[in-house]
Amino acid sequence: MTPASTPEARLTDRAFVLPVLTLILLTPPIITIFDVPVFIFGIPLLHIYCFGLWLAAIVAGGFLSRRMASRGTVRVDDAGPGSDNG
C-alpha cells in the first residue's frame, strides 16, 4: 500500500502532467484525427482543435498555478537563476 499523498504533491503532479499531456495531444498522430475537411462557422476543425487545446492548457495552467500559490506550494522568495544570493 502506498501512503496517501498530500494535496500539494498532487497539485505538483498535475502541474507536471499538464504540459506533457498537451504536448502529446499536439503530436501528429493525434492531430491527423482532426485533419478532416470539416468546417465549423467557416473555420477548419484542425484549427479549432489546436487553438482550443492551447486555450484549455492556458486556463488549466492558470488555475493550477493559482491553487498552488494559495496553498503555498510555489515559493516566491526562492532565488532564480542569475541571482546574487550566494
PDB file of N, CA and C in Angstrom:
ATOM      1  N   MET A   1       0.825  -1.181   0.000  1.00  0.00           N
ATOM      2  CA  MET A   1       0.000   0.000   0.000  1.00  0.00           C
ATOM      3  C   MET A   1       0.873   1.250   0.000  1.00  0.00           C
ATOM      4  N   THR A   2       0.501   2.208  -0.792  1.00  0.00           N
ATOM      5  CA  THR A   2       1.264   3.442  -0.830  1.00  0.00           C
ATOM      6  C   THR A   2       0.653   4.452   0.135  1.00  0.00           C
ATOM      7  N   PRO A   3       1.489   5.302   0.704  1.00  0.00           N
ATOM      8  CA  PRO A   3       0.949   6.311   1.611  1.00  0.00           C
ATOM      9  C   PRO A   3       0.145   7.348   0.837  1.00  0.00           C
ATOM     10  N   ALA A   4      -0.828   7.933   1.530  1.00  0.00           N
ATOM     11  CA  ALA A   4      -1.661   8.957   0.894  1.00  0.00           C
ATOM     12  C   ALA A   4      -0.810  10.190   0.608  1.00  0.00           C
ATOM     13  N   SER A   5      -0.948  10.719  -0.607  1.00  0.00           N
ATOM     14  CA  SER A   5      -0.158  11.885  -0.956  1.00  0.00           C
ATOM     15  C   SER A   5      -0.864  13.147  -0.470  1.00  0.00           C
ATOM     16  N   THR A   6      -0.078  14.154  -0.250  1.00  0.00           N
ATOM     17  CA  THR A   6      -0.623  15.419   0.234  1.00  0.00           C
ATOM     18  C   THR A   6      -1.253  16.180  -0.925  1.00  0.00           C
ATOM     19  N   PRO A   7      -2.145  17.108  -0.645  1.00  0.00           N
ATOM     20  CA  PRO A   7      -2.726  17.909  -1.732  1.00  0.00           C
ATOM     21  C   PRO A   7      -1.672  18.700  -2.506  1.00  0.00           C
ATOM     22  N   GLU A   8      -0.617  19.146  -1.825  1.00  0.00           N
ATOM     23  CA  GLU A   8       0.442  19.882  -2.506  1.00  0.00           C
ATOM     24  C   GLU A   8       1.166  18.990  -3.511  1.00  0.00           C
ATOM     25  N   ALA A   9       1.390  17.750  -3.121  1.00  0.00           N
ATOM     26  CA  ALA A   9       2.072  16.817  -4.024  1.00  0.00           C
ATOM     27  C   ALA A   9       1.203  16.507  -5.239  1.00  0.00           C
ATOM     28  N   ARG A  10      -0.101  16.380  -5.018  1.00  0.00           N
ATOM     29  CA  ARG A  10      -0.998  16.120  -6.149  1.00  0.00           C
ATOM     30  C   ARG A  10      -1.035  17.310  -7.099  1.00  0.00           C
ATOM     31  N   LEU A  11      -1.032  18.532  -6.550  1.00  0.00           N
ATOM     32  CA  LEU A  11      -1.009  19.717  -7.407  1.00  0.00           C
ATOM     33  C   LEU A  11       0.281  19.782  -8.213  1.00  0.00           C
ATOM     34  N   THR A  12       1.391  19.441  -7.594  1.00  0.00           N
ATOM     35  CA  THR A  12       2.674  19.438  -8.296  1.00  0.00           C
ATOM     36  C   THR A  12       2.666  18.390  -9.405  1.00  0.00           C
ATOM     37  N   ASP A  13       2.093  17.232  -9.130  1.00  0.00           N
ATOM     38  CA  ASP A  13       1.990  16.195 -10.158  1.00  0.00           C
ATOM     39  C   ASP A  13       1.128  16.662 -11.327  1.00  0.00           C
ATOM     40  N   ARG A  14       0.023  17.318 -11.020  1.00  0.00           N
ATOM     41  CA  ARG A  14      -0.844  17.818 -12.082  1.00  0.00           C
ATOM     42  C   ARG A  14      -0.140  18.897 -12.896  1.00  0.00           C
ATOM     43  N   ALA A  15       0.636  19.726 -12.222  1.00  0.00           N
ATOM     44  CA  ALA A  15       1.377  20.771 -12.933  1.00  0.00           C
ATOM     45  C   ALA A  15       2.430  20.165 -13.849  1.00  0.00           C
ATOM     46  N   PHE A  16       2.928  18.995 -13.520  1.00  0.00           N
ATOM     47  CA  PHE A  16       3.882  18.307 -14.393  1.00  0.00           C
ATOM     48  C   PHE A  16       3.166  17.633 -15.559  1.00  0.00           C
ATOM     49  N   VAL A  17       2.019  17.035 -15.296  1.00  0.00           N
ATOM     50  CA  VAL A  17       1.299  16.275 -16.311  1.00  0.00           C
ATOM     51  C   VAL A  17       0.672  17.189 -17.367  1.00  0.00           C
ATOM     52  N   LEU A  18       0.266  18.391 -16.982  1.00  0.00           N
ATOM     53  CA  LEU A  18      -0.420  19.286 -17.923  1.00  0.00           C
ATOM     54  C   LEU A  18       0.390  19.573 -19.188  1.00  0.00           C
ATOM     55  N   PRO A  19       1.638  20.030 -19.110  1.00  0.00           N
ATOM     56  CA  PRO A  19       2.370  20.271 -20.369  1.00  0.00           C
ATOM     57  C   PRO A  19       2.696  18.986 -21.132  1.00  0.00           C
ATOM     58  N   VAL A  20       2.921  17.904 -20.406  1.00  0.00           N
ATOM     59  CA  VAL A  20       3.211  16.634 -21.077  1.00  0.00           C
ATOM     60  C   VAL A  20       1.983  16.163 -21.861  1.00  0.00           C
ATOM     61  N   LEU A  21       0.815  16.243 -21.235  1.00  0.00           N
ATOM     62  CA  LEU A  21      -0.416  15.847 -21.908  1.00  0.00           C
ATOM     63  C   LEU A  21      -0.717  16.759 -23.092  1.00  0.00           C
ATOM     64  N   THR A  22      -0.492  18.052 -22.922  1.00  0.00           N
ATOM     65  CA  THR A  22      -0.702  18.992 -24.021  1.00  0.00           C
ATOM     66  C   THR A  22       0.221  18.666 -25.187  1.00  0.00           C
ATOM     67  N   LEU A  23       1.471  18.372 -24.891  1.00  0.00           N
ATOM     68  CA  LEU A  23       2.416  18.013 -25.945  1.00  0.00           C
ATOM     69  C   LEU A  23       1.979  16.741 -26.669  1.00  0.00           C
ATOM     70  N   ILE A  24       1.522  15.759 -25.926  1.00  0.00           N
ATOM     71  CA  ILE A  24       1.066  14.510 -26.542  1.00  0.00           C
ATOM     72  C   ILE A  24      -0.145  14.756 -27.427  1.00  0.00           C
ATOM     73  N   LEU A  25      -1.075  15.602 -26.962  1.00  0.00           N
ATOM     74  CA  LEU A  25      -2.276  15.878 -27.745  1.00  0.00           C
ATOM     75  C   LEU A  25      -1.998  16.737 -28.976  1.00  0.00           C
ATOM     76  N   LEU A  26      -0.811  17.332 -29.050  1.00  0.00           N
ATOM     77  CA  LEU A  26      -0.443  18.126 -30.218  1.00  0.00           C
ATOM     78  C   LEU A  26       0.541  17.404 -31.141  1.00  0.00           C
ATOM     79  N   THR A  27       0.754  16.117 -30.939  1.00  0.00           N
ATOM     80  CA  THR A  27       1.638  15.346 -31.813  1.00  0.00           C
ATOM     81  C   THR A  27       0.882  14.929 -33.076  1.00  0.00           C
ATOM     82  N   PRO A  28       1.606  14.706 -34.162  1.00  0.00           N
ATOM     83  CA  PRO A  28       0.958  14.381 -35.438  1.00  0.00           C
ATOM     84  C   PRO A  28      -0.020  13.204 -35.428  1.00  0.00           C
ATOM     85  N   PRO A  29       0.214  12.119 -34.701  1.00  0.00           N
ATOM     86  CA  PRO A  29      -0.800  11.051 -34.749  1.00  0.00           C
ATOM     87  C   PRO A  29      -2.168  11.491 -34.228  1.00  0.00           C
ATOM     88  N   ILE A  30      -2.187  12.359 -33.238  1.00  0.00           N
ATOM     89  CA  ILE A  30      -3.454  12.833 -32.694  1.00  0.00           C
ATOM     90  C   ILE A  30      -4.030  13.936 -33.575  1.00  0.00           C
ATOM     91  N   ILE A  31      -3.177  14.828 -34.050  1.00  0.00           N
ATOM     92  CA  ILE A  31      -3.654  15.941 -34.873  1.00  0.00           C
ATOM     93  C   ILE A  31      -4.279  15.445 -36.177  1.00  0.00           C
ATOM     94  N   THR A  32      -3.752  14.359 -36.736  1.00  0.00           N
ATOM     95  CA  THR A  32      -4.309  13.862 -38.003  1.00  0.00           C
ATOM     96  C   THR A  32      -5.750  13.386 -37.854  1.00  0.00           C
ATOM     97  N   ILE A  33      -6.169  13.068 -36.659  1.00  0.00           N
ATOM     98  CA  ILE A  33      -7.571  12.697 -36.432  1.00  0.00           C
ATOM     99  C   ILE A  33      -8.479  13.877 -36.771  1.00  0.00           C
ATOM    100  N   PHE A  34      -8.023  15.082 -36.480  1.00  0.00           N
ATOM    101  CA  PHE A  34      -8.827  16.283 -36.686  1.00  0.00           C
ATOM    102  C   PHE A  34      -8.548  16.964 -38.026  1.00  0.00           C
ATOM    103  N   ASP A  35      -7.671  16.388 -38.835  1.00  0.00           N
ATOM    104  CA  ASP A  35      -7.343  16.970 -40.138  1.00  0.00           C
ATOM    105  C   ASP A  35      -8.297  16.407 -41.191  1.00  0.00           C
ATOM    106  N   VAL A  36      -9.543  16.805 -41.069  1.00  0.00           N
ATOM    107  CA  VAL A  36     -10.587  16.379 -41.995  1.00  0.00           C
ATOM    108  C   VAL A  36     -11.235  17.633 -42.591  1.00  0.00           C
ATOM    109  N   PRO A  37     -11.843  17.508 -43.773  1.00  0.00           N
ATOM    110  CA  PRO A  37     -12.451  18.692 -44.389  1.00  0.00           C
ATOM    111  C   PRO A  37     -13.799  19.065 -43.755  1.00  0.00           C
ATOM    112  N   VAL A  38     -13.769  19.357 -42.462  1.00  0.00           N
ATOM    113  CA  VAL A  38     -14.968  19.774 -41.733  1.00  0.00           C
ATOM    114  C   VAL A  38     -14.748  21.201 -41.272  1.00  0.00           C
ATOM    115  N   PHE A  39     -15.761  22.031 -41.472  1.00  0.00           N
ATOM    116  CA  PHE A  39     -15.671  23.427 -41.091  1.00  0.00           C
ATOM    117  C   PHE A  39     -16.783  23.753 -40.094  1.00  0.00           C
ATOM    118  N   ILE A  40     -16.429  24.474 -39.058  1.00  0.00           N
ATOM    119  CA  ILE A  40     -17.402  24.944 -38.076  1.00  0.00           C
ATOM    120  C   ILE A  40     -17.357  26.462 -38.116  1.00  0.00           C
ATOM    121  N   PHE A  41     -18.458  27.071 -38.536  1.00  0.00           N
ATOM    122  CA  PHE A  41     -18.532  28.514 -38.740  1.00  0.00           C
ATOM    123  C   PHE A  41     -17.427  29.002 -39.685  1.00  0.00           C
ATOM    124  N   GLY A  42     -17.100  28.191 -40.664  1.00  0.00           N
ATOM    125  CA  GLY A  42     -16.101  28.562 -41.655  1.00  0.00           C
ATOM    126  C   GLY A  42     -14.660  28.346 -41.218  1.00  0.00           C
ATOM    127  N   ILE A  43     -14.453  27.780 -40.032  1.00  0.00           N
ATOM    128  CA  ILE A  43     -13.104  27.544 -39.504  1.00  0.00           C
ATOM    129  C   ILE A  43     -12.824  26.040 -39.558  1.00  0.00           C
ATOM    130  N   PRO A  44     -11.676  25.632 -40.117  1.00  0.00           N
ATOM    131  CA  PRO A  44     -11.362  24.193 -40.175  1.00  0.00           C
ATOM    132  C   PRO A  44     -11.296  23.572 -38.774  1.00  0.00           C
ATOM    133  N   LEU A  45     -11.747  22.335 -38.683  1.00  0.00           N
ATOM    134  CA  LEU A  45     -11.779  21.627 -37.403  1.00  0.00           C
ATOM    135  C   LEU A  45     -10.389  21.509 -36.787  1.00  0.00           C
ATOM    136  N   LEU A  46      -9.368  21.346 -37.616  1.00  0.00           N
ATOM    137  CA  LEU A  46      -7.998  21.237 -37.110  1.00  0.00           C
ATOM    138  C   LEU A  46      -7.596  22.496 -36.347  1.00  0.00           C
ATOM    139  N   HIS A  47      -7.943  23.662 -36.885  1.00  0.00           N
ATOM    140  CA  HIS A  47      -7.597  24.912 -36.207  1.00  0.00           C
ATOM    141  C   HIS A  47      -8.374  25.068 -34.905  1.00  0.00           C
ATOM    142  N   ILE A  48      -9.625  24.686 -34.913  1.00  0.00           N
ATOM    143  CA  ILE A  48     -10.424  24.761 -33.680  1.00  0.00           C
ATOM    144  C   ILE A  48      -9.832  23.845 -32.616  1.00  0.00           C
ATOM    145  N   TYR A  49      -9.412  22.646 -33.022  1.00  0.00           N
ATOM    146  CA  TYR A  49      -8.820  21.712 -32.070  1.00  0.00           C
ATOM    147  C   TYR A  49      -7.520  22.266 -31.489  1.00  0.00           C
ATOM    148  N   CYS A  50      -6.612  22.722 -32.347  1.00  0.00           N
ATOM    149  CA  CYS A  50      -5.308  23.202 -31.875  1.00  0.00           C
ATOM    150  C   CYS A  50      -5.448  24.417 -30.966  1.00  0.00           C
ATOM    151  N   PHE A  51      -6.199  25.417 -31.403  1.00  0.00           N
ATOM    152  CA  PHE A  51      -6.340  26.619 -30.592  1.00  0.00           C
ATOM    153  C   PHE A  51      -7.208  26.372 -29.360  1.00  0.00           C
ATOM    154  N   GLY A  52      -8.180  25.494 -29.462  1.00  0.00           N
ATOM    155  CA  GLY A  52      -8.990  25.137 -28.294  1.00  0.00           C
ATOM    156  C   GLY A  52      -8.169  24.415 -27.242  1.00  0.00           C
ATOM    157  N   LEU A  53      -7.319  23.498 -27.685  1.00  0.00           N
ATOM    158  CA  LEU A  53      -6.444  22.793 -26.751  1.00  0.00           C
ATOM    159  C   LEU A  53      -5.443  23.743 -26.117  1.00  0.00           C
ATOM    160  N   TRP A  54      -4.916  24.656 -26.908  1.00  0.00           N
ATOM    161  CA  TRP A  54      -3.980  25.655 -26.399  1.00  0.00           C
ATOM    162  C   TRP A  54      -4.650  26.529 -25.346  1.00  0.00           C
ATOM    163  N   LEU A  55      -5.864  26.984 -25.627  1.00  0.00           N
ATOM    164  CA  LEU A  55      -6.601  27.796 -24.669  1.00  0.00           C
ATOM    165  C   LEU A  55      -6.904  27.004 -23.399  1.00  0.00           C
ATOM    166  N   ALA A  56      -7.310  25.753 -23.548  1.00  0.00           N
ATOM    167  CA  ALA A  56      -7.607  24.919 -22.378  1.00  0.00           C
ATOM    168  C   ALA A  56      -6.357  24.702 -21.527  1.00  0.00           C
ATOM    169  N   ALA A  57      -5.203  24.531 -22.166  1.00  0.00           N
ATOM    170  CA  ALA A  57      -3.960  24.345 -21.411  1.00  0.00           C
ATOM    171  C   ALA A  57      -3.585  25.621 -20.655  1.00  0.00           C
ATOM    172  N   ILE A  58      -3.807  26.780 -21.276  1.00  0.00           N
ATOM    173  CA  ILE A  58      -3.505  28.047 -20.598  1.00  0.00           C
ATOM    174  C   ILE A  58      -4.426  28.241 -19.406  1.00  0.00           C
ATOM    175  N   VAL A  59      -5.710  27.973 -19.587  1.00  0.00           N
ATOM    176  CA  VAL A  59      -6.666  28.133 -18.492  1.00  0.00           C
ATOM    177  C   VAL A  59      -6.354  27.144 -17.366  1.00  0.00           C
ATOM    178  N   ALA A  60      -6.073  25.897 -17.715  1.00  0.00           N
ATOM    179  CA  ALA A  60      -5.752  24.896 -16.694  1.00  0.00           C
ATOM    180  C   ALA A  60      -4.452  25.249 -15.972  1.00  0.00           C
ATOM    181  N   GLY A  61      -3.460  25.742 -16.708  1.00  0.00           N
ATOM    182  CA  GLY A  61      -2.204  26.158 -16.075  1.00  0.00           C
ATOM    183  C   GLY A  61      -2.399  27.327 -15.134  1.00  0.00           C
ATOM    184  N   GLY A  62      -3.230  28.284 -15.530  1.00  0.00           N
ATOM    185  CA  GLY A  62      -3.527  29.407 -14.649  1.00  0.00           C
ATOM    186  C   GLY A  62      -4.261  28.965 -13.400  1.00  0.00           C
ATOM    187  N   PHE A  63      -5.211  28.067 -13.571  1.00  0.00           N
ATOM    188  CA  PHE A  63      -5.946  27.537 -12.425  1.00  0.00           C
ATOM    189  C   PHE A  63      -5.019  26.794 -11.475  1.00  0.00           C
ATOM    190  N   LEU A  64      -4.153  25.942 -12.029  1.00  0.00           N
ATOM    191  CA  LEU A  64      -3.218  25.189 -11.190  1.00  0.00           C
ATOM    192  C   LEU A  64      -2.235  26.115 -10.475  1.00  0.00           C
ATOM    193  N   SER A  65      -1.713  27.106 -11.169  1.00  0.00           N
ATOM    194  CA  SER A  65      -0.748  27.996 -10.530  1.00  0.00           C
ATOM    195  C   SER A  65      -1.404  28.825  -9.430  1.00  0.00           C
ATOM    196  N   ARG A  66      -2.641  29.224  -9.633  1.00  0.00           N
ATOM    197  CA  ARG A  66      -3.349  29.970  -8.589  1.00  0.00           C
ATOM    198  C   ARG A  66      -3.582  29.097  -7.354  1.00  0.00           C
ATOM    199  N   ARG A  67      -3.970  27.836  -7.580  1.00  0.00           N
ATOM    200  CA  ARG A  67      -4.182  26.929  -6.442  1.00  0.00           C
ATOM    201  C   ARG A  67      -2.870  26.622  -5.728  1.00  0.00           C
ATOM    202  N   MET A  68      -1.797  26.460  -6.509  1.00  0.00           N
ATOM    203  CA  MET A  68      -0.502  26.184  -5.891  1.00  0.00           C
ATOM    204  C   MET A  68      -0.025  27.382  -5.073  1.00  0.00           C
ATOM    205  N   ALA A  69      -0.248  28.586  -5.574  1.00  0.00           N
ATOM    206  CA  ALA A  69       0.162  29.785  -4.841  1.00  0.00           C
ATOM    207  C   ALA A  69      -0.662  29.959  -3.573  1.00  0.00           C
ATOM    208  N   SER A  70      -1.942  29.623  -3.629  1.00  0.00           N
ATOM    209  CA  SER A  70      -2.781  29.788  -2.437  1.00  0.00           C
ATOM    210  C   SER A  70      -2.464  28.746  -1.367  1.00  0.00           C
ATOM    211  N   ARG A  71      -1.936  27.604  -1.775  1.00  0.00           N
ATOM    212  CA  ARG A  71      -1.576  26.570  -0.798  1.00  0.00           C
ATOM    213  C   ARG A  71      -0.132  26.686  -0.336  1.00  0.00           C
ATOM    214  N   GLY A  72       0.597  27.599  -0.925  1.00  0.00           N
ATOM    215  CA  GLY A  72       1.982  27.781  -0.511  1.00  0.00           C
ATOM    216  C   GLY A  72       2.938  26.810  -1.156  1.00  0.00           C
ATOM    217  N   THR A  73       2.522  26.133  -2.227  1.00  0.00           N
ATOM    218  CA  THR A  73       3.411  25.192  -2.900  1.00  0.00           C
ATOM    219  C   THR A  73       4.490  25.926  -3.677  1.00  0.00           C
ATOM    220  N   VAL A  74       4.136  27.043  -4.263  1.00  0.00           N
ATOM    221  CA  VAL A  74       5.094  27.851  -5.015  1.00  0.00           C
ATOM    222  C   VAL A  74       5.645  28.902  -4.074  1.00  0.00           C
ATOM    223  N   ARG A  75       6.966  28.947  -3.944  1.00  0.00           N
ATOM    224  CA  ARG A  75       7.591  29.929  -3.066  1.00  0.00           C
ATOM    225  C   ARG A  75       8.152  31.050  -3.911  1.00  0.00           C
ATOM    226  N   VAL A  76       7.693  32.247  -3.634  1.00  0.00           N
ATOM    227  CA  VAL A  76       8.111  33.409  -4.409  1.00  0.00           C
ATOM    228  C   VAL A  76       9.478  33.891  -3.980  1.00  0.00           C
ATOM    229  N   ASP A  77       9.871  33.624  -2.735  1.00  0.00           N
ATOM    230  CA  ASP A  77      11.135  34.142  -2.216  1.00  0.00           C
ATOM    231  C   ASP A  77      12.349  33.343  -2.676  1.00  0.00           C
ATOM    232  N   ASP A  78      12.143  32.252  -3.419  1.00  0.00           N
ATOM    233  CA  ASP A  78      13.282  31.480  -3.932  1.00  0.00           C
ATOM    234  C   ASP A  78      14.034  32.292  -4.967  1.00  0.00           C
ATOM    235  N   ALA A  79      15.335  32.183  -4.927  1.00  0.00           N
ATOM    236  CA  ALA A  79      16.169  32.911  -5.889  1.00  0.00           C
ATOM    237  C   ALA A  79      16.184  32.161  -7.207  1.00  0.00           C
ATOM    238  N   GLY A  80      16.023  32.898  -8.272  1.00  0.00           N
ATOM    239  CA  GLY A  80      16.039  32.310  -9.602  1.00  0.00           C
ATOM    240  C   GLY A  80      17.457  32.262 -10.134  1.00  0.00           C
ATOM    241  N   PRO A  81      17.612  31.782 -11.376  1.00  0.00           N
ATOM    242  CA  PRO A  81      18.947  31.728 -11.972  1.00  0.00           C
ATOM    243  C   PRO A  81      19.518  33.124 -12.142  1.00  0.00           C
ATOM    244  N   GLY A  82      20.782  33.265 -11.888  1.00  0.00           N
ATOM    245  CA  GLY A  82      21.456  34.550 -12.041  1.00  0.00           C
ATOM    246  C   GLY A  82      21.284  35.480 -10.859  1.00  0.00           C
ATOM    247  N   SER A  83      20.750  34.962  -9.771  1.00  0.00           N
ATOM    248  CA  SER A  83      20.563  35.851  -8.616  1.00  0.00           C
ATOM    249  C   SER A  83      21.875  36.008  -7.864  1.00  0.00           C
ATOM    250  N   ASP A  84      21.927  36.995  -7.020  1.00  0.00           N
ATOM    251  CA  ASP A  84      23.153  37.332  -6.290  1.00  0.00           C
ATOM    252  C   ASP A  84      23.086  36.869  -4.841  1.00  0.00           C
ATOM    253  N   ASN A  85      22.385  35.765  -4.570  1.00  0.00           N
ATOM    254  CA  ASN A  85      22.196  35.312  -3.190  1.00  0.00           C
ATOM    255  C   ASN A  85      23.268  34.375  -2.700  1.00  0.00           C
ATOM    256  N   GLY A  86      24.285  34.111  -3.461  1.00  0.00           N
ATOM    257  CA  GLY A  86      25.231  33.207  -2.888  1.00  0.00           C
ATOM    258  C   GLY A  86      26.291  32.832  -3.752  1.00  0.00           C
TER     259      GLY A  86
END
